[in-house]
Amino acid sequence: MSKSVFVTRPIPEAGLAMLRARGYEVEVNPNKIIPTQADIIGFLQKKPYDAVLTLLTDPINVAVYDAAPTVKLYANYATGYDNIDIVEAKKRGITVANAPAPQTSESVAEHTLALALALAARIVEADESVRRGEYKGWDPMNFIGMDILGTTLGLIGAGRIGARVAHYATGLGMKVLYTDIKRNEDVEKEGAIFCATPEELLPQADIVSIHVPLLPSTQHLMNDARFKLMKPSAFLVNTARGPIVDEAALEKALREKTIAGAALDVFEFEPKVAPGLLAMPNIILTPHIASASIETRNEMATITAQNIIDFFEGRQPKFAVNA
């Protein structure tokens, strides 16, 4: 009997084709709207699936495990897997795998730098002004920004993505500082300077960029007290996970000009965005698209598919996270 896979939302065909080529039965929820947990349970109760290909927006926990006892693999189409209760999965003998595509580091790093450059040059503000019909001719005082050359980038987290951001920033002539739970000798070889704590890094940085996973220890890592440590001229960029930033504190920091601006690709209560942030001109908001390149999304799809293939063929998936 053919193995069956349920896919909670459409992903690039590159991965799905790999599964179908192995003769697996692949059923994809055609609805692009994010399914609720009740929706997922409803799908999984229709037939006995062997594996589920999940997205980072899918809450997978005891309720889902109870509803789908035949599922022995949850393959997450994402680098992160904080949407899945991996402890409970291991208790039940269920494998969880993720898809840390190497290309993700490039895409997210490029998006991070694009946001930083856009903040510094005030590109979004200027674009919106032109669209409103406010441009009346060249003005020497119009939308004066900040040159990147010679500024200091402060990285909170210097793993795969943070290291790529450091590499690109160095090429742009920026000084790079970083803080992490462990030192990264590779970024230090490129000139980055280690700071033992965020408190040491924040007062020195012109741009602060977040690249840590969402853990109990990193939730609200950027809070009111830490915003107050930043320069009034500094910017914050977050392409990691939304709850790492206390959005109420960020809104206050922007409103009171504790910091100069921010750019978010992720949100604390995603997909909701705090109404106060939406109204502010000194913040750039993108809809969780930092890894949204053709190359990266295809690579994520093929890695996820290979995790499923390996599992079905009796091998431990390369990217099993609770083995």
C-alpha atoms as a PDB file:
ATOM      1  CA  MET A   1       0.000   0.000   0.000  1.00  0.00           C
ATOM      2  CA  SER A   2       1.364   3.400  -1.006  1.00  0.00           C
ATOM      3  CA  LYS A   3       2.475   5.798   1.707  1.00  0.00           C
ATOM      4  CA  SER A   4       0.322   8.903   2.004  1.00  0.00           C
ATOM      5  CA  VAL A   5       1.376  12.470   2.761  1.00  0.00           C
ATOM      6  CA  PHE A   6      -0.846  15.398   3.649  1.00  0.00           C
ATOM      7  CA  VAL A   7       0.469  18.884   2.846  1.00  0.00           C
ATOM      8  CA  THR A   8      -1.178  21.644   4.859  1.00  0.00           C
ATOM      9  CA  ARG A   9      -0.798  24.313   2.140  1.00  0.00           C
ATOM     10  CA  PRO A  10       0.682  24.554  -1.365  1.00  0.00           C
ATOM     11  CA  ILE A  11       4.491  24.614  -1.567  1.00  0.00           C
ATOM     12  CA  PRO A  12       6.778  24.711  -4.656  1.00  0.00           C
ATOM     13  CA  GLU A  13       6.235  21.804  -7.018  1.00  0.00           C
ATOM     14  CA  ALA A  14       9.925  20.844  -6.836  1.00  0.00           C
ATOM     15  CA  GLY A  15       9.358  19.022  -3.558  1.00  0.00           C
ATOM     16  CA  LEU A  16       5.945  17.571  -4.338  1.00  0.00           C
ATOM     17  CA  ALA A  17       7.243  16.115  -7.612  1.00  0.00           C
ATOM     18  CA  MET A  18       9.960  14.236  -5.706  1.00  0.00           C
ATOM     19  CA  LEU A  19       7.342  12.577  -3.501  1.00  0.00           C
ATOM     20  CA  ARG A  20       5.041  11.666  -6.383  1.00  0.00           C
ATOM     21  CA  ALA A  21       7.977  10.245  -8.345  1.00  0.00           C
ATOM     22  CA  ARG A  22       8.483   7.747  -5.478  1.00  0.00           C
ATOM     23  CA  GLY A  23       4.882   6.641  -5.850  1.00  0.00           C
ATOM     24  CA  TYR A  24       3.635   8.274  -2.668  1.00  0.00           C
ATOM     25  CA  GLU A  25       0.094   9.568  -2.483  1.00  0.00           C
ATOM     26  CA  VAL A  26       0.310  13.334  -1.970  1.00  0.00           C
ATOM     27  CA  GLU A  27      -2.729  15.384  -1.018  1.00  0.00           C
ATOM     28  CA  VAL A  28      -2.367  19.155  -0.788  1.00  0.00           C
ATOM     29  CA  ASN A  29      -4.812  21.451   0.922  1.00  0.00           C
ATOM     30  CA  PRO A  30      -5.539  23.811  -2.014  1.00  0.00           C
ATOM     31  CA  ASN A  31      -6.599  26.684   0.232  1.00  0.00           C
ATOM     32  CA  LYS A  32      -3.872  29.323   0.591  1.00  0.00           C
ATOM     33  CA  ILE A  33      -5.478  30.723   3.745  1.00  0.00           C
ATOM     34  CA  ILE A  34      -3.621  29.695   6.910  1.00  0.00           C
ATOM     35  CA  PRO A  35      -5.494  26.708   8.374  1.00  0.00           C
ATOM     36  CA  THR A  36      -6.503  26.708  12.013  1.00  0.00           C
ATOM     37  CA  GLN A  37      -5.625  23.773  14.204  1.00  0.00           C
ATOM     38  CA  ALA A  38      -9.247  22.660  13.916  1.00  0.00           C
ATOM     39  CA  ASP A  39      -8.907  22.758  10.124  1.00  0.00           C
ATOM     40  CA  ILE A  40      -5.764  20.606  10.260  1.00  0.00           C
ATOM     41  CA  ILE A  41      -7.412  18.097  12.572  1.00  0.00           C
ATOM     42  CA  GLY A  42     -10.411  17.954  10.256  1.00  0.00           C
ATOM     43  CA  PHE A  43      -8.188  17.164   7.270  1.00  0.00           C
ATOM     44  CA  LEU A  44      -6.201  14.506   9.115  1.00  0.00           C
ATOM     45  CA  GLN A  45      -9.288  12.711  10.369  1.00  0.00           C
ATOM     46  CA  LYS A  46     -10.484  12.037   6.825  1.00  0.00           C
ATOM     47  CA  LYS A  47      -8.013   9.191   6.262  1.00  0.00           C
ATOM     48  CA  PRO A  48      -4.977   7.501   7.861  1.00  0.00           C
ATOM     49  CA  TYR A  49      -1.999   9.531   6.625  1.00  0.00           C
ATOM     50  CA  ASP A  50       1.571   8.374   7.226  1.00  0.00           C
ATOM     51  CA  ALA A  51       3.247  11.808   7.218  1.00  0.00           C
ATOM     52  CA  VAL A  52       2.301  15.465   7.285  1.00  0.00           C
ATOM     53  CA  LEU A  53       4.222  18.246   5.588  1.00  0.00           C
ATOM     54  CA  THR A  54       3.647  21.277   7.800  1.00  0.00           C
ATOM     55  CA  LEU A  55       4.352  25.000   7.623  1.00  0.00           C
ATOM     56  CA  LEU A  56       5.601  27.222  10.421  1.00  0.00           C
ATOM     57  CA  THR A  57       2.089  28.637  10.890  1.00  0.00           C
ATOM     58  CA  ASP A  58       0.641  25.202  11.722  1.00  0.00           C
ATOM     59  CA  PRO A  59       0.188  24.526  15.458  1.00  0.00           C
ATOM     60  CA  ILE A  60       1.084  20.865  15.941  1.00  0.00           C
ATOM     61  CA  ASN A  61       0.647  19.524  19.470  1.00  0.00           C
ATOM     62  CA  VAL A  62      -1.186  16.940  21.567  1.00  0.00           C
ATOM     63  CA  ALA A  63      -4.557  17.695  19.994  1.00  0.00           C
ATOM     64  CA  VAL A  64      -3.214  16.959  16.510  1.00  0.00           C
ATOM     65  CA  TYR A  65      -1.281  13.875  17.623  1.00  0.00           C
ATOM     66  CA  ASP A  66      -4.416  12.464  19.254  1.00  0.00           C
ATOM     67  CA  ALA A  67      -6.487  13.125  16.134  1.00  0.00           C
ATOM     68  CA  ALA A  68      -3.998  11.492  13.740  1.00  0.00           C
ATOM     69  CA  PRO A  69      -2.486   8.409  15.416  1.00  0.00           C
ATOM     70  CA  THR A  70      -1.175   6.952  12.130  1.00  0.00           C
ATOM     71  CA  VAL A  71       1.081   9.940  11.393  1.00  0.00           C
ATOM     72  CA  LYS A  72       4.659   9.159  12.407  1.00  0.00           C
ATOM     73  CA  LEU A  73       6.441  12.078  10.727  1.00  0.00           C
ATOM     74  CA  TYR A  74       5.858  15.825  10.703  1.00  0.00           C
ATOM     75  CA  ALA A  75       8.189  17.443   8.168  1.00  0.00           C
ATOM     76  CA  ASN A  76       8.258  21.195   8.710  1.00  0.00           C
ATOM     77  CA  TYR A  77       8.779  23.373   5.638  1.00  0.00           C
ATOM     78  CA  ALA A  78      10.862  25.866   7.618  1.00  0.00           C
ATOM     79  CA  THR A  79      14.132  26.249   9.454  1.00  0.00           C
ATOM     80  CA  GLY A  80      12.345  26.913  12.728  1.00  0.00           C
ATOM     81  CA  TYR A  81      10.021  24.416  14.382  1.00  0.00           C
ATOM     82  CA  ASP A  82       8.631  26.297  17.381  1.00  0.00           C
ATOM     83  CA  ASN A  83       5.154  25.554  15.971  1.00  0.00           C
ATOM     84  CA  ILE A  84       5.585  21.845  16.819  1.00  0.00           C
ATOM     85  CA  ASP A  85       5.615  20.226  20.258  1.00  0.00           C
ATOM     86  CA  ILE A  86       8.733  18.131  19.703  1.00  0.00           C
ATOM     87  CA  VAL A  87       8.925  16.873  23.279  1.00  0.00           C
ATOM     88  CA  GLU A  88       5.485  15.290  23.102  1.00  0.00           C
ATOM     89  CA  ALA A  89       6.274  13.975  19.619  1.00  0.00           C
ATOM     90  CA  LYS A  90       9.338  12.145  20.911  1.00  0.00           C
ATOM     91  CA  LYS A  91       7.328  10.616  23.764  1.00  0.00           C
ATOM     92  CA  ARG A  92       4.977   9.173  21.158  1.00  0.00           C
ATOM     93  CA  GLY A  93       7.690   7.942  18.810  1.00  0.00           C
ATOM     94  CA  ILE A  94       6.853  10.591  16.230  1.00  0.00           C
ATOM     95  CA  THR A  95       9.695  12.087  14.199  1.00  0.00           C
ATOM     96  CA  VAL A  96       9.873  15.830  13.543  1.00  0.00           C
ATOM     97  CA  ALA A  97      12.155  17.243  10.846  1.00  0.00           C
ATOM     98  CA  ASN A  98      12.896  20.740   9.619  1.00  0.00           C
ATOM     99  CA  ALA A  99      14.348  22.255   6.448  1.00  0.00           C
ATOM    100  CA  PRO A 100      17.376  24.455   7.195  1.00  0.00           C
ATOM    101  CA  ALA A 101      18.114  25.227   3.557  1.00  0.00           C
ATOM    102  CA  PRO A 102      21.623  26.693   3.136  1.00  0.00           C
ATOM    103  CA  GLN A 103      20.207  29.186   0.630  1.00  0.00           C
ATOM    104  CA  THR A 104      17.973  30.586   3.382  1.00  0.00           C
ATOM    105  CA  SER A 105      20.995  32.253   4.938  1.00  0.00           C
ATOM    106  CA  GLU A 106      21.669  34.132   1.716  1.00  0.00           C
ATOM    107  CA  SER A 107      18.065  35.206   1.160  1.00  0.00           C
ATOM    108  CA  VAL A 108      17.444  36.361   4.721  1.00  0.00           C
ATOM    109  CA  ALA A 109      20.815  38.111   4.896  1.00  0.00           C
ATOM    110  CA  GLU A 110      20.100  39.983   1.679  1.00  0.00           C
ATOM    111  CA  HIS A 111      16.635  40.976   2.886  1.00  0.00           C
ATOM    112  CA  THR A 112      18.106  42.149   6.185  1.00  0.00           C
ATOM    113  CA  LEU A 113      20.605  44.381   4.421  1.00  0.00           C
ATOM    114  CA  ALA A 114      17.913  45.627   2.039  1.00  0.00           C
ATOM    115  CA  LEU A 115      15.798  46.709   5.014  1.00  0.00           C
ATOM    116  CA  ALA A 116      18.778  48.367   6.691  1.00  0.00           C
ATOM    117  CA  LEU A 117      19.665  50.275   3.522  1.00  0.00           C
ATOM    118  CA  ALA A 118      16.053  51.295   2.981  1.00  0.00           C
ATOM    119  CA  LEU A 119      15.851  52.629   6.528  1.00  0.00           C
ATOM    120  CA  ALA A 120      19.110  54.546   6.223  1.00  0.00           C
ATOM    121  CA  ALA A 121      18.157  56.108   2.879  1.00  0.00           C
ATOM    122  CA  ARG A 122      14.485  56.611   3.874  1.00  0.00           C
ATOM    123  CA  ILE A 123      13.442  54.930   0.636  1.00  0.00           C
ATOM    124  CA  VAL A 124       9.957  53.848   1.694  1.00  0.00           C
ATOM    125  CA  GLU A 125       9.075  57.271   3.111  1.00  0.00           C
ATOM    126  CA  ALA A 126      10.302  58.954  -0.054  1.00  0.00           C
ATOM    127  CA  ASP A 127       8.430  56.556  -2.333  1.00  0.00           C
ATOM    128  CA  GLU A 128       5.176  57.143  -0.460  1.00  0.00           C
ATOM    129  CA  SER A 129       5.686  60.911  -0.650  1.00  0.00           C
ATOM    130  CA  VAL A 130       6.071  60.774  -4.433  1.00  0.00           C
ATOM    131  CA  ARG A 131       2.935  58.632  -4.746  1.00  0.00           C
ATOM    132  CA  ARG A 132       1.003  61.191  -2.696  1.00  0.00           C
ATOM    133  CA  GLY A 133       1.967  63.880  -5.206  1.00  0.00           C
ATOM    134  CA  GLU A 134       4.169  65.787  -2.765  1.00  0.00           C
ATOM    135  CA  TYR A 135       7.291  65.894  -4.943  1.00  0.00           C
ATOM    136  CA  LYS A 136       7.632  69.451  -6.351  1.00  0.00           C
ATOM    137  CA  GLY A 137      11.288  69.366  -7.367  1.00  0.00           C
ATOM    138  CA  TRP A 138      14.718  68.820  -5.923  1.00  0.00           C
ATOM    139  CA  ASP A 139      15.129  70.069  -2.362  1.00  0.00           C
ATOM    140  CA  PRO A 140      18.483  70.003  -0.546  1.00  0.00           C
ATOM    141  CA  MET A 141      16.721  69.208   2.754  1.00  0.00           C
ATOM    142  CA  ASN A 142      14.302  66.577   1.464  1.00  0.00           C
ATOM    143  CA  PHE A 143      14.486  63.099   3.077  1.00  0.00           C
ATOM    144  CA  ILE A 144      18.033  63.371   4.343  1.00  0.00           C
ATOM    145  CA  GLY A 145      19.198  59.918   5.381  1.00  0.00           C
ATOM    146  CA  MET A 146      22.345  58.259   6.682  1.00  0.00           C
ATOM    147  CA  ASP A 147      25.294  56.768   4.824  1.00  0.00           C
ATOM    148  CA  ILE A 148      26.035  53.148   5.708  1.00  0.00           C
ATOM    149  CA  LEU A 149      29.787  53.456   5.187  1.00  0.00           C
ATOM    150  CA  GLY A 150      31.556  53.739   8.518  1.00  0.00           C
ATOM    151  CA  THR A 151      28.505  52.947  10.656  1.00  0.00           C
ATOM    152  CA  THR A 152      28.353  50.121  13.201  1.00  0.00           C
ATOM    153  CA  LEU A 153      26.144  47.077  12.787  1.00  0.00           C
ATOM    154  CA  GLY A 154      25.240  45.205  15.952  1.00  0.00           C
ATOM    155  CA  LEU A 155      24.194  41.596  15.455  1.00  0.00           C
ATOM    156  CA  ILE A 156      22.194  39.834  18.133  1.00  0.00           C
ATOM    157  CA  GLY A 157      22.978  36.297  17.063  1.00  0.00           C
ATOM    158  CA  ALA A 158      25.794  35.221  14.750  1.00  0.00           C
ATOM    159  CA  GLY A 159      24.706  31.824  13.500  1.00  0.00           C
ATOM    160  CA  ARG A 160      24.334  30.961   9.808  1.00  0.00           C
ATOM    161  CA  ILE A 161      22.221  33.997   8.915  1.00  0.00           C
ATOM    162  CA  GLY A 162      23.897  36.472  11.228  1.00  0.00           C
ATOM    163  CA  ALA A 163      27.289  35.425   9.853  1.00  0.00           C
ATOM    164  CA  ARG A 164      26.167  36.121   6.275  1.00  0.00           C
ATOM    165  CA  VAL A 165      24.827  39.528   7.301  1.00  0.00           C
ATOM    166  CA  ALA A 166      28.202  40.257   8.912  1.00  0.00           C
ATOM    167  CA  HIS A 167      29.988  39.228   5.712  1.00  0.00           C
ATOM    168  CA  TYR A 168      27.911  41.541   3.528  1.00  0.00           C
ATOM    169  CA  ALA A 169      28.043  44.399   6.038  1.00  0.00           C
ATOM    170  CA  THR A 170      31.837  44.234   6.138  1.00  0.00           C
ATOM    171  CA  GLY A 171      31.844  44.554   2.355  1.00  0.00           C
ATOM    172  CA  LEU A 172      29.744  47.706   2.679  1.00  0.00           C
ATOM    173  CA  GLY A 173      32.378  49.241   4.952  1.00  0.00           C
ATOM    174  CA  MET A 174      30.523  48.773   8.215  1.00  0.00           C
ATOM    175  CA  LYS A 175      32.062  47.930  11.561  1.00  0.00           C
ATOM    176  CA  VAL A 176      30.435  44.753  12.902  1.00  0.00           C
ATOM    177  CA  LEU A 177      29.774  43.875  16.529  1.00  0.00           C
ATOM    178  CA  TYR A 178      27.998  40.714  17.607  1.00  0.00           C
ATOM    179  CA  THR A 179      26.716  39.006  20.715  1.00  0.00           C
ATOM    180  CA  ASP A 180      25.774  35.350  21.023  1.00  0.00           C
ATOM    181  CA  ILE A 181      25.726  32.549  23.577  1.00  0.00           C
ATOM    182  CA  LYS A 182      28.899  31.251  21.956  1.00  0.00           C
ATOM    183  CA  ARG A 183      31.631  32.976  19.996  1.00  0.00           C
ATOM    184  CA  ASN A 184      31.893  32.606  16.233  1.00  0.00           C
ATOM    185  CA  GLU A 185      35.526  32.483  15.193  1.00  0.00           C
ATOM    186  CA  ASP A 186      34.667  32.711  11.495  1.00  0.00           C
ATOM    187  CA  VAL A 187      32.947  36.109  11.779  1.00  0.00           C
ATOM    188  CA  GLU A 188      35.748  37.324  14.015  1.00  0.00           C
ATOM    189  CA  LYS A 189      38.246  36.402  11.313  1.00  0.00           C
ATOM    190  CA  GLU A 190      36.322  38.760   9.008  1.00  0.00           C
ATOM    191  CA  GLY A 191      36.674  41.546  11.553  1.00  0.00           C
ATOM    192  CA  ALA A 192      33.552  41.236  13.724  1.00  0.00           C
ATOM    193  CA  ILE A 193      34.031  42.079  17.387  1.00  0.00           C
ATOM    194  CA  PHE A 194      32.440  39.998  20.132  1.00  0.00           C
ATOM    195  CA  CYS A 195      30.341  41.608  22.863  1.00  0.00           C
ATOM    196  CA  ALA A 196      29.517  39.499  25.890  1.00  0.00           C
ATOM    197  CA  THR A 197      25.975  40.845  26.316  1.00  0.00           C
ATOM    198  CA  PRO A 198      23.343  42.846  24.432  1.00  0.00           C
ATOM    199  CA  GLU A 199      23.868  45.558  27.029  1.00  0.00           C
ATOM    200  CA  GLU A 200      27.454  45.933  25.829  1.00  0.00           C
ATOM    201  CA  LEU A 201      26.505  45.933  22.143  1.00  0.00           C
ATOM    202  CA  LEU A 202      23.390  48.122  21.987  1.00  0.00           C
ATOM    203  CA  PRO A 203      24.874  51.515  22.957  1.00  0.00           C
ATOM    204  CA  GLN A 204      27.519  51.181  20.236  1.00  0.00           C
ATOM    205  CA  ALA A 205      25.387  50.134  17.255  1.00  0.00           C
ATOM    206  CA  ASP A 206      23.865  52.337  14.568  1.00  0.00           C
ATOM    207  CA  ILE A 207      21.826  49.407  13.256  1.00  0.00           C
ATOM    208  CA  VAL A 208      20.795  46.467  15.438  1.00  0.00           C
ATOM    209  CA  SER A 209      19.809  43.280  13.595  1.00  0.00           C
ATOM    210  CA  ILE A 210      18.250  40.232  15.275  1.00  0.00           C
ATOM    211  CA  HIS A 211      19.241  36.688  14.290  1.00  0.00           C
ATOM    212  CA  VAL A 212      18.385  34.393  17.206  1.00  0.00           C
ATOM    213  CA  PRO A 213      15.759  31.623  17.424  1.00  0.00           C
ATOM    214  CA  LEU A 214      12.558  32.082  19.396  1.00  0.00           C
ATOM    215  CA  LEU A 215      13.090  30.457  22.794  1.00  0.00           C
ATOM    216  CA  PRO A 216      11.751  31.249  26.267  1.00  0.00           C
ATOM    217  CA  SER A 217      15.059  33.023  26.867  1.00  0.00           C
ATOM    218  CA  THR A 218      14.742  35.205  23.735  1.00  0.00           C
ATOM    219  CA  GLN A 219      11.076  36.189  23.964  1.00  0.00           C
ATOM    220  CA  HIS A 220      10.950  39.983  24.373  1.00  0.00           C
ATOM    221  CA  LEU A 221      14.734  40.046  24.247  1.00  0.00           C
ATOM    222  CA  MET A 222      14.261  43.533  22.809  1.00  0.00           C
ATOM    223  CA  ASN A 223      12.197  45.293  25.429  1.00  0.00           C
ATOM    224  CA  ASP A 224      11.756  48.757  26.881  1.00  0.00           C
ATOM    225  CA  ALA A 225      14.966  48.629  28.915  1.00  0.00           C
ATOM    226  CA  ARG A 226      17.067  47.542  25.960  1.00  0.00           C
ATOM    227  CA  PHE A 227      15.562  50.091  23.570  1.00  0.00           C
ATOM    228  CA  LYS A 228      16.656  52.741  26.029  1.00  0.00           C
ATOM    229  CA  LEU A 229      20.237  51.520  25.652  1.00  0.00           C
ATOM    230  CA  MET A 230      20.229  52.176  21.894  1.00  0.00           C
ATOM    231  CA  LYS A 231      21.330  55.416  20.268  1.00  0.00           C
ATOM    232  CA  PRO A 232      18.506  57.879  19.442  1.00  0.00           C
ATOM    233  CA  SER A 233      19.789  57.725  15.847  1.00  0.00           C
ATOM    234  CA  ALA A 234      19.815  53.901  15.699  1.00  0.00           C
ATOM    235  CA  PHE A 235      17.610  51.497  13.752  1.00  0.00           C
ATOM    236  CA  LEU A 236      16.297  48.032  14.649  1.00  0.00           C
ATOM    237  CA  VAL A 237      15.849  45.263  12.054  1.00  0.00           C
ATOM    238  CA  ASN A 238      14.077  41.972  12.838  1.00  0.00           C
ATOM    239  CA  THR A 239      13.965  39.147  10.299  1.00  0.00           C
ATOM    240  CA  ALA A 240      14.060  36.362  12.926  1.00  0.00           C
ATOM    241  CA  ARG A 241      10.857  35.763  14.914  1.00  0.00           C
ATOM    242  CA  GLY A 242       8.273  38.345  15.920  1.00  0.00           C
ATOM    243  CA  PRO A 243       7.954  37.690  19.669  1.00  0.00           C
ATOM    244  CA  ILE A 244      11.666  38.399  20.153  1.00  0.00           C
ATOM    245  CA  VAL A 245      10.623  42.063  20.005  1.00  0.00           C
ATOM    246  CA  ASP A 246       8.130  43.508  22.468  1.00  0.00           C
ATOM    247  CA  GLU A 247       6.044  45.448  19.941  1.00  0.00           C
ATOM    248  CA  ALA A 248       4.397  47.639  22.591  1.00  0.00           C
ATOM    249  CA  ALA A 249       7.855  48.684  23.756  1.00  0.00           C
ATOM    250  CA  LEU A 250       8.966  49.218  20.155  1.00  0.00           C
ATOM    251  CA  GLU A 251       5.962  51.408  19.426  1.00  0.00           C
ATOM    252  CA  LYS A 252       6.784  53.489  22.513  1.00  0.00           C
ATOM    253  CA  ALA A 253      10.452  53.747  21.523  1.00  0.00           C
ATOM    254  CA  LEU A 254       9.552  54.985  18.037  1.00  0.00           C
ATOM    255  CA  ARG A 255       6.868  57.384  19.271  1.00  0.00           C
ATOM    256  CA  GLU A 256       9.138  58.897  21.923  1.00  0.00           C
ATOM    257  CA  LYS A 257      12.130  58.902  19.504  1.00  0.00           C
ATOM    258  CA  THR A 258      14.172  56.681  21.790  1.00  0.00           C
ATOM    259  CA  ILE A 259      15.343  55.122  18.492  1.00  0.00           C
ATOM    260  CA  ALA A 260      15.134  56.522  14.968  1.00  0.00           C
ATOM    261  CA  GLY A 261      13.366  53.721  13.136  1.00  0.00           C
ATOM    262  CA  ALA A 262      12.761  50.037  12.647  1.00  0.00           C
ATOM    263  CA  ALA A 263      12.105  47.404   9.995  1.00  0.00           C
ATOM    264  CA  LEU A 264      10.160  44.223  10.710  1.00  0.00           C
ATOM    265  CA  ASP A 265       9.635  41.192   8.510  1.00  0.00           C
ATOM    266  CA  VAL A 266       8.046  39.256  11.390  1.00  0.00           C
ATOM    267  CA  PHE A 267       5.509  40.256  14.011  1.00  0.00           C
ATOM    268  CA  GLU A 268       4.765  39.432  17.624  1.00  0.00           C
ATOM    269  CA  PHE A 269       1.170  38.379  16.952  1.00  0.00           C
ATOM    270  CA  GLU A 270       1.604  37.405  13.319  1.00  0.00           C
ATOM    271  CA  PRO A 271      -0.194  37.968  11.004  1.00  0.00           C
ATOM    272  CA  LYS A 272      -1.617  40.835  13.052  1.00  0.00           C
ATOM    273  CA  VAL A 273       0.445  44.013  13.197  1.00  0.00           C
ATOM    274  CA  ALA A 274       0.084  46.453  16.069  1.00  0.00           C
ATOM    275  CA  PRO A 275      -2.106  49.324  14.777  1.00  0.00           C
ATOM    276  CA  GLY A 276       0.259  51.877  16.304  1.00  0.00           C
ATOM    277  CA  LEU A 277       3.137  50.571  14.189  1.00  0.00           C
ATOM    278  CA  LEU A 278       1.056  50.733  11.006  1.00  0.00           C
ATOM    279  CA  ALA A 279       0.574  54.459  11.516  1.00  0.00           C
ATOM    280  CA  MET A 280       4.256  55.294  11.956  1.00  0.00           C
ATOM    281  CA  PRO A 281       6.303  56.709   9.074  1.00  0.00           C
ATOM    282  CA  ASN A 282       9.664  55.577  10.496  1.00  0.00           C
ATOM    283  CA  ILE A 283       9.056  51.844  10.277  1.00  0.00           C
ATOM    284  CA  ILE A 284       9.206  49.442   7.318  1.00  0.00           C
ATOM    285  CA  LEU A 285       6.935  46.402   7.415  1.00  0.00           C
ATOM    286  CA  THR A 286       7.284  43.397   5.097  1.00  0.00           C
ATOM    287  CA  PRO A 287       5.032  40.292   5.276  1.00  0.00           C
ATOM    288  CA  HIS A 288       7.482  37.577   6.423  1.00  0.00           C
ATOM    289  CA  ILE A 289       9.189  37.344   3.037  1.00  0.00           C
ATOM    290  CA  ALA A 290      12.876  37.374   3.954  1.00  0.00           C
ATOM    291  CA  SER A 291      13.379  33.865   2.567  1.00  0.00           C
ATOM    292  CA  ALA A 292      11.009  34.359  -0.372  1.00  0.00           C
ATOM    293  CA  SER A 293      13.358  33.805  -3.271  1.00  0.00           C
ATOM    294  CA  ILE A 294      12.779  31.191  -5.943  1.00  0.00           C
ATOM    295  CA  GLU A 295      16.078  29.513  -5.120  1.00  0.00           C
ATOM    296  CA  THR A 296      15.459  29.317  -1.375  1.00  0.00           C
ATOM    297  CA  ARG A 297      11.845  28.186  -1.486  1.00  0.00           C
ATOM    298  CA  ASN A 298      12.657  25.444  -4.005  1.00  0.00           C
ATOM    299  CA  GLU A 299      15.561  24.256  -1.864  1.00  0.00           C
ATOM    300  CA  MET A 300      13.333  24.189   1.223  1.00  0.00           C
ATOM    301  CA  ALA A 301      10.801  22.093  -0.713  1.00  0.00           C
ATOM    302  CA  THR A 302      13.376  19.542  -1.846  1.00  0.00           C
ATOM    303  CA  ILE A 303      14.922  19.231   1.625  1.00  0.00           C
ATOM    304  CA  THR A 304      11.482  18.691   3.171  1.00  0.00           C
ATOM    305  CA  ALA A 305      10.626  16.090   0.544  1.00  0.00           C
ATOM    306  CA  GLN A 306      13.929  14.291   1.101  1.00  0.00           C
ATOM    307  CA  ASN A 307      13.219  14.155   4.837  1.00  0.00           C
ATOM    308  CA  ILE A 308       9.963  12.359   4.035  1.00  0.00           C
ATOM    309  CA  ILE A 309      11.590  10.019   1.513  1.00  0.00           C
ATOM    310  CA  ASP A 310      14.346   9.071   3.930  1.00  0.00           C
ATOM    311  CA  PHE A 311      11.816   8.348   6.661  1.00  0.00           C
ATOM    312  CA  PHE A 312       9.629   6.192   4.432  1.00  0.00           C
ATOM    313  CA  GLU A 313      12.659   4.282   3.157  1.00  0.00           C
ATOM    314  CA  GLY A 314      13.841   3.398   6.642  1.00  0.00           C
ATOM    315  CA  ARG A 315      16.545   6.033   7.066  1.00  0.00           C
ATOM    316  CA  GLN A 316      16.627   8.723   9.709  1.00  0.00           C
ATOM    317  CA  PRO A 317      15.913  12.056   8.042  1.00  0.00           C
ATOM    318  CA  LYS A 318      19.038  14.183   7.860  1.00  0.00           C
ATOM    319  CA  PHE A 319      17.267  17.064   9.542  1.00  0.00           C
ATOM    320  CA  ALA A 320      15.345  15.201  12.235  1.00  0.00           C
ATOM    321  CA  VAL A 321      15.196  17.548  15.237  1.00  0.00           C
ATOM    322  CA  ASN A 322      13.990  15.151  17.946  1.00  0.00           C
ATOM    323  CA  ALA A 323      15.926  11.982  17.106  1.00  0.00           C
END
